[in-house]
Amino acid sequence: MKIAVLVIVILLIAGGAGVYADGARQPVNHSVSVSGLVSAPPEKVFGLITDVAHGSHWRPAVKSVTVLQKDNNRDHWVEHLDHGQYMTFLATRTDPPVRRDVMLDDPKAPYGGTWIYELTPGPEPNTTTLKITETGFIKPPIYRFVMAHVFGMTHNLDQYMHDIQTAATK
């Protein structure tokens, strides 16, 4: 019995070390993009992206939003997520209805970066081609392992694209 417990403990330690080592080999910095067709004109899609106060109405992962005082006339807000998590964002560029740049505004966060939303008229009337580019960093090796091997680097972008495609048809 004691040997079985010892073997399990050793395997758990070895597995944890393997996860950490693999995560440490993943790059800290990354840049990924997704593109999709949204069944709404660019003005409507841009309105969804920039109406941060109502982001929780169409993004299920966002439980609520706190709009902060504008920073040099730029939108500034906090998205409250599950399990007490929250993320503070700052819009760094807004060019209606073609581009919105946003950064994670938390210098102490273990991850962060920028997101660029580029909108062009779609191939059909009243459609929009939306390209989202994330340029970011993930410091902890275990987080890098999870993003690389469990969720995938475009997981959050894919979810956002799905959510906006769904919201735009309402």
C-alpha atoms as a PDB file:
ATOM      1  CA  MET A   1       0.000   0.000   0.000  1.00  0.00           C
ATOM      2  CA  LYS A   2       2.771   2.429   0.945  1.00  0.00           C
ATOM      3  CA  ILE A   3       4.594   1.612  -2.303  1.00  0.00           C
ATOM      4  CA  ALA A   4       1.464   2.324  -4.361  1.00  0.00           C
ATOM      5  CA  VAL A   5       1.016   5.715  -2.684  1.00  0.00           C
ATOM      6  CA  LEU A   6       4.704   6.497  -3.229  1.00  0.00           C
ATOM      7  CA  VAL A   7       4.439   5.560  -6.916  1.00  0.00           C
ATOM      8  CA  ILE A   8       1.360   7.780  -7.323  1.00  0.00           C
ATOM      9  CA  VAL A   9       3.115  10.702  -5.607  1.00  0.00           C
ATOM     10  CA  ILE A  10       6.188  10.270  -7.818  1.00  0.00           C
ATOM     11  CA  LEU A  11       4.028  10.114 -10.947  1.00  0.00           C
ATOM     12  CA  LEU A  12       2.150  13.268  -9.924  1.00  0.00           C
ATOM     13  CA  ILE A  13       5.400  15.132  -9.270  1.00  0.00           C
ATOM     14  CA  ALA A  14       6.871  13.935 -12.572  1.00  0.00           C
ATOM     15  CA  GLY A  15       3.675  14.918 -14.423  1.00  0.00           C
ATOM     16  CA  GLY A  16       3.671  18.367 -12.845  1.00  0.00           C
ATOM     17  CA  ALA A  17       7.338  18.829 -13.692  1.00  0.00           C
ATOM     18  CA  GLY A  18       6.623  17.753 -17.270  1.00  0.00           C
ATOM     19  CA  VAL A  19       3.761  20.246 -17.595  1.00  0.00           C
ATOM     20  CA  TYR A  20       5.929  23.023 -16.161  1.00  0.00           C
ATOM     21  CA  ALA A  21       8.880  22.145 -18.416  1.00  0.00           C
ATOM     22  CA  ASP A  22       6.701  22.022 -21.511  1.00  0.00           C
ATOM     23  CA  GLY A  23       5.070  25.347 -20.597  1.00  0.00           C
ATOM     24  CA  ALA A  24       8.493  26.893 -20.022  1.00  0.00           C
ATOM     25  CA  ARG A  25       9.418  25.929 -23.599  1.00  0.00           C
ATOM     26  CA  GLN A  26       6.360  27.722 -25.007  1.00  0.00           C
ATOM     27  CA  PRO A  27       7.014  31.334 -26.040  1.00  0.00           C
ATOM     28  CA  VAL A  28       6.003  34.032 -23.578  1.00  0.00           C
ATOM     29  CA  ASN A  29       4.890  36.329 -26.420  1.00  0.00           C
ATOM     30  CA  HIS A  30       2.366  35.443 -29.092  1.00  0.00           C
ATOM     31  CA  SER A  31       0.324  36.932 -31.895  1.00  0.00           C
ATOM     32  CA  VAL A  32      -2.765  35.170 -33.263  1.00  0.00           C
ATOM     33  CA  SER A  33      -5.679  36.227 -35.445  1.00  0.00           C
ATOM     34  CA  VAL A  34      -9.124  34.958 -36.339  1.00  0.00           C
ATOM     35  CA  SER A  35     -11.419  36.206 -39.074  1.00  0.00           C
ATOM     36  CA  GLY A  36     -15.101  35.630 -39.565  1.00  0.00           C
ATOM     37  CA  LEU A  37     -18.172  36.818 -41.352  1.00  0.00           C
ATOM     38  CA  VAL A  38     -20.780  38.610 -39.251  1.00  0.00           C
ATOM     39  CA  SER A  39     -24.339  38.893 -40.589  1.00  0.00           C
ATOM     40  CA  ALA A  40     -24.738  42.599 -39.937  1.00  0.00           C
ATOM     41  CA  PRO A  41     -23.384  45.829 -41.441  1.00  0.00           C
ATOM     42  CA  PRO A  42     -20.080  47.216 -40.090  1.00  0.00           C
ATOM     43  CA  GLU A  43     -21.850  49.999 -38.160  1.00  0.00           C
ATOM     44  CA  LYS A  44     -23.858  47.485 -36.134  1.00  0.00           C
ATOM     45  CA  VAL A  45     -20.860  45.227 -35.481  1.00  0.00           C
ATOM     46  CA  PHE A  46     -18.731  48.223 -34.490  1.00  0.00           C
ATOM     47  CA  GLY A  47     -21.521  49.337 -32.174  1.00  0.00           C
ATOM     48  CA  LEU A  48     -21.489  45.980 -30.396  1.00  0.00           C
ATOM     49  CA  ILE A  49     -17.702  46.098 -30.002  1.00  0.00           C
ATOM     50  CA  THR A  50     -17.620  49.657 -28.661  1.00  0.00           C
ATOM     51  CA  ASP A  51     -20.718  49.556 -26.409  1.00  0.00           C
ATOM     52  CA  VAL A  52     -18.672  48.116 -23.566  1.00  0.00           C
ATOM     53  CA  ALA A  53     -21.314  48.920 -20.947  1.00  0.00           C
ATOM     54  CA  HIS A  54     -23.597  46.277 -22.465  1.00  0.00           C
ATOM     55  CA  GLY A  55     -20.961  43.631 -23.226  1.00  0.00           C
ATOM     56  CA  SER A  56     -22.463  41.314 -20.634  1.00  0.00           C
ATOM     57  CA  HIS A  57     -25.746  41.296 -22.581  1.00  0.00           C
ATOM     58  CA  TRP A  58     -24.233  39.361 -25.477  1.00  0.00           C
ATOM     59  CA  ARG A  59     -21.038  37.788 -24.120  1.00  0.00           C
ATOM     60  CA  PRO A  60     -21.968  34.943 -21.733  1.00  0.00           C
ATOM     61  CA  ALA A  61     -18.477  34.825 -20.179  1.00  0.00           C
ATOM     62  CA  VAL A  62     -18.845  38.448 -19.030  1.00  0.00           C
ATOM     63  CA  LYS A  63     -21.067  38.563 -15.953  1.00  0.00           C
ATOM     64  CA  SER A  64     -21.071  42.356 -15.596  1.00  0.00           C
ATOM     65  CA  VAL A  65     -19.185  45.456 -16.691  1.00  0.00           C
ATOM     66  CA  THR A  66     -18.070  48.470 -14.697  1.00  0.00           C
ATOM     67  CA  VAL A  67     -17.480  51.509 -16.889  1.00  0.00           C
ATOM     68  CA  LEU A  68     -14.654  53.611 -15.495  1.00  0.00           C
ATOM     69  CA  GLN A  69     -13.942  57.303 -16.022  1.00  0.00           C
ATOM     70  CA  LYS A  70     -12.626  57.927 -19.515  1.00  0.00           C
ATOM     71  CA  ASP A  71      -8.836  58.091 -19.830  1.00  0.00           C
ATOM     72  CA  ASN A  72      -7.951  60.984 -22.194  1.00  0.00           C
ATOM     73  CA  ASN A  73     -11.369  60.509 -23.842  1.00  0.00           C
ATOM     74  CA  ARG A  74     -10.730  56.770 -24.295  1.00  0.00           C
ATOM     75  CA  ASP A  75     -13.114  54.079 -23.057  1.00  0.00           C
ATOM     76  CA  HIS A  76     -11.928  52.388 -19.858  1.00  0.00           C
ATOM     77  CA  TRP A  77     -13.811  49.497 -18.245  1.00  0.00           C
ATOM     78  CA  VAL A  78     -13.682  46.365 -16.113  1.00  0.00           C
ATOM     79  CA  GLU A  79     -15.180  43.058 -17.242  1.00  0.00           C
ATOM     80  CA  HIS A  80     -16.248  40.839 -14.348  1.00  0.00           C
ATOM     81  CA  LEU A  81     -15.983  37.124 -15.137  1.00  0.00           C
ATOM     82  CA  ASP A  82     -16.708  33.889 -13.267  1.00  0.00           C
ATOM     83  CA  HIS A  83     -14.984  32.949  -9.999  1.00  0.00           C
ATOM     84  CA  GLY A  84     -14.322  36.549  -8.974  1.00  0.00           C
ATOM     85  CA  GLN A  85     -12.004  37.184 -11.895  1.00  0.00           C
ATOM     86  CA  TYR A  86     -11.948  40.556 -13.598  1.00  0.00           C
ATOM     87  CA  MET A  87     -10.007  42.256 -16.363  1.00  0.00           C
ATOM     88  CA  THR A  88      -9.507  46.002 -16.862  1.00  0.00           C
ATOM     89  CA  PHE A  89      -9.362  47.290 -20.436  1.00  0.00           C
ATOM     90  CA  LEU A  90      -8.497  50.560 -22.150  1.00  0.00           C
ATOM     91  CA  ALA A  91      -9.432  51.451 -25.724  1.00  0.00           C
ATOM     92  CA  THR A  92      -6.295  52.901 -27.312  1.00  0.00           C
ATOM     93  CA  ARG A  93      -7.689  53.588 -30.790  1.00  0.00           C
ATOM     94  CA  THR A  94     -11.222  53.979 -32.109  1.00  0.00           C
ATOM     95  CA  ASP A  95     -11.838  54.614 -35.818  1.00  0.00           C
ATOM     96  CA  PRO A  96     -15.568  54.128 -36.500  1.00  0.00           C
ATOM     97  CA  PRO A  97     -16.638  51.829 -38.070  1.00  0.00           C
ATOM     98  CA  VAL A  98     -13.409  50.163 -39.196  1.00  0.00           C
ATOM     99  CA  ARG A  99     -11.031  49.670 -36.266  1.00  0.00           C
ATOM    100  CA  ARG A 100     -10.882  49.402 -32.493  1.00  0.00           C
ATOM    101  CA  ASP A 101      -7.695  48.725 -30.509  1.00  0.00           C
ATOM    102  CA  VAL A 102      -7.918  47.632 -26.882  1.00  0.00           C
ATOM    103  CA  MET A 103      -5.283  46.789 -24.287  1.00  0.00           C
ATOM    104  CA  LEU A 104      -5.434  44.947 -20.989  1.00  0.00           C
ATOM    105  CA  ASP A 105      -4.819  47.712 -18.475  1.00  0.00           C
ATOM    106  CA  ASP A 106      -3.231  45.830 -15.588  1.00  0.00           C
ATOM    107  CA  PRO A 107       0.574  45.994 -15.418  1.00  0.00           C
ATOM    108  CA  LYS A 108       0.657  43.403 -12.596  1.00  0.00           C
ATOM    109  CA  ALA A 109      -1.308  40.744 -14.501  1.00  0.00           C
ATOM    110  CA  PRO A 110       0.449  37.459 -15.334  1.00  0.00           C
ATOM    111  CA  TYR A 111      -0.831  37.823 -18.904  1.00  0.00           C
ATOM    112  CA  GLY A 112      -1.889  40.669 -21.125  1.00  0.00           C
ATOM    113  CA  GLY A 113      -1.655  42.319 -24.455  1.00  0.00           C
ATOM    114  CA  THR A 114      -3.643  44.114 -27.113  1.00  0.00           C
ATOM    115  CA  TRP A 115      -6.576  43.233 -29.328  1.00  0.00           C
ATOM    116  CA  ILE A 116      -7.185  44.844 -32.705  1.00  0.00           C
ATOM    117  CA  TYR A 117     -10.650  44.596 -34.234  1.00  0.00           C
ATOM    118  CA  GLU A 118     -10.644  45.331 -37.979  1.00  0.00           C
ATOM    119  CA  LEU A 119     -13.953  45.575 -39.826  1.00  0.00           C
ATOM    120  CA  THR A 120     -14.507  45.601 -43.584  1.00  0.00           C
ATOM    121  CA  PRO A 121     -17.707  45.255 -45.587  1.00  0.00           C
ATOM    122  CA  GLY A 122     -18.468  41.583 -46.164  1.00  0.00           C
ATOM    123  CA  PRO A 123     -18.996  39.868 -49.510  1.00  0.00           C
ATOM    124  CA  GLU A 124     -22.797  40.188 -49.250  1.00  0.00           C
ATOM    125  CA  PRO A 125     -24.840  43.296 -48.455  1.00  0.00           C
ATOM    126  CA  ASN A 126     -25.290  43.903 -44.722  1.00  0.00           C
ATOM    127  CA  THR A 127     -22.393  41.639 -43.729  1.00  0.00           C
ATOM    128  CA  THR A 128     -19.045  42.419 -42.136  1.00  0.00           C
ATOM    129  CA  THR A 129     -15.730  40.661 -42.250  1.00  0.00           C
ATOM    130  CA  LEU A 130     -14.241  40.943 -38.771  1.00  0.00           C
ATOM    131  CA  LYS A 131     -10.592  40.206 -38.084  1.00  0.00           C
ATOM    132  CA  ILE A 132      -9.422  40.096 -34.464  1.00  0.00           C
ATOM    133  CA  THR A 133      -5.699  40.047 -33.718  1.00  0.00           C
ATOM    134  CA  GLU A 134      -4.342  39.371 -30.245  1.00  0.00           C
ATOM    135  CA  THR A 135      -0.744  40.286 -29.520  1.00  0.00           C
ATOM    136  CA  GLY A 136       0.042  39.271 -26.006  1.00  0.00           C
ATOM    137  CA  PHE A 137       2.142  37.598 -23.392  1.00  0.00           C
ATOM    138  CA  ILE A 138       1.634  34.824 -20.858  1.00  0.00           C
ATOM    139  CA  LYS A 139       4.207  34.756 -18.057  1.00  0.00           C
ATOM    140  CA  PRO A 140       3.486  31.615 -15.985  1.00  0.00           C
ATOM    141  CA  PRO A 141       4.683  28.426 -17.729  1.00  0.00           C
ATOM    142  CA  ILE A 142       1.643  26.474 -16.518  1.00  0.00           C
ATOM    143  CA  TYR A 143      -0.716  29.038 -18.129  1.00  0.00           C
ATOM    144  CA  ARG A 144       1.327  28.763 -21.371  1.00  0.00           C
ATOM    145  CA  PHE A 145       0.989  24.954 -21.270  1.00  0.00           C
ATOM    146  CA  VAL A 146      -2.781  25.193 -20.806  1.00  0.00           C
ATOM    147  CA  MET A 147      -3.227  27.710 -23.634  1.00  0.00           C
ATOM    148  CA  ALA A 148      -0.992  25.742 -26.002  1.00  0.00           C
ATOM    149  CA  HIS A 149      -2.275  22.225 -25.278  1.00  0.00           C
ATOM    150  CA  VAL A 150      -5.687  22.446 -23.611  1.00  0.00           C
ATOM    151  CA  PHE A 151      -7.575  25.502 -24.899  1.00  0.00           C
ATOM    152  CA  GLY A 152      -5.560  26.586 -27.921  1.00  0.00           C
ATOM    153  CA  MET A 153      -4.137  30.050 -28.511  1.00  0.00           C
ATOM    154  CA  THR A 154      -7.248  31.316 -30.327  1.00  0.00           C
ATOM    155  CA  HIS A 155      -9.751  30.019 -27.750  1.00  0.00           C
ATOM    156  CA  ASN A 156     -10.813  33.443 -26.447  1.00  0.00           C
ATOM    157  CA  LEU A 157     -10.866  34.990 -29.927  1.00  0.00           C
ATOM    158  CA  ASP A 158     -12.971  32.118 -31.272  1.00  0.00           C
ATOM    159  CA  GLN A 159     -15.441  32.578 -28.406  1.00  0.00           C
ATOM    160  CA  TYR A 160     -15.661  36.332 -28.987  1.00  0.00           C
ATOM    161  CA  MET A 161     -16.247  35.755 -32.721  1.00  0.00           C
ATOM    162  CA  HIS A 162     -19.021  33.258 -31.994  1.00  0.00           C
ATOM    163  CA  ASP A 163     -20.642  35.606 -29.483  1.00  0.00           C
ATOM    164  CA  ILE A 164     -20.619  38.615 -31.814  1.00  0.00           C
ATOM    165  CA  GLN A 165     -21.900  36.566 -34.747  1.00  0.00           C
ATOM    166  CA  THR A 166     -24.811  35.445 -32.573  1.00  0.00           C
ATOM    167  CA  ALA A 167     -25.505  38.919 -31.120  1.00  0.00           C
ATOM    168  CA  ALA A 168     -25.417  40.644 -34.502  1.00  0.00           C
ATOM    169  CA  THR A 169     -28.368  38.634 -35.772  1.00  0.00           C
ATOM    170  CA  LYS A 170     -30.651  39.785 -32.936  1.00  0.00           C
END
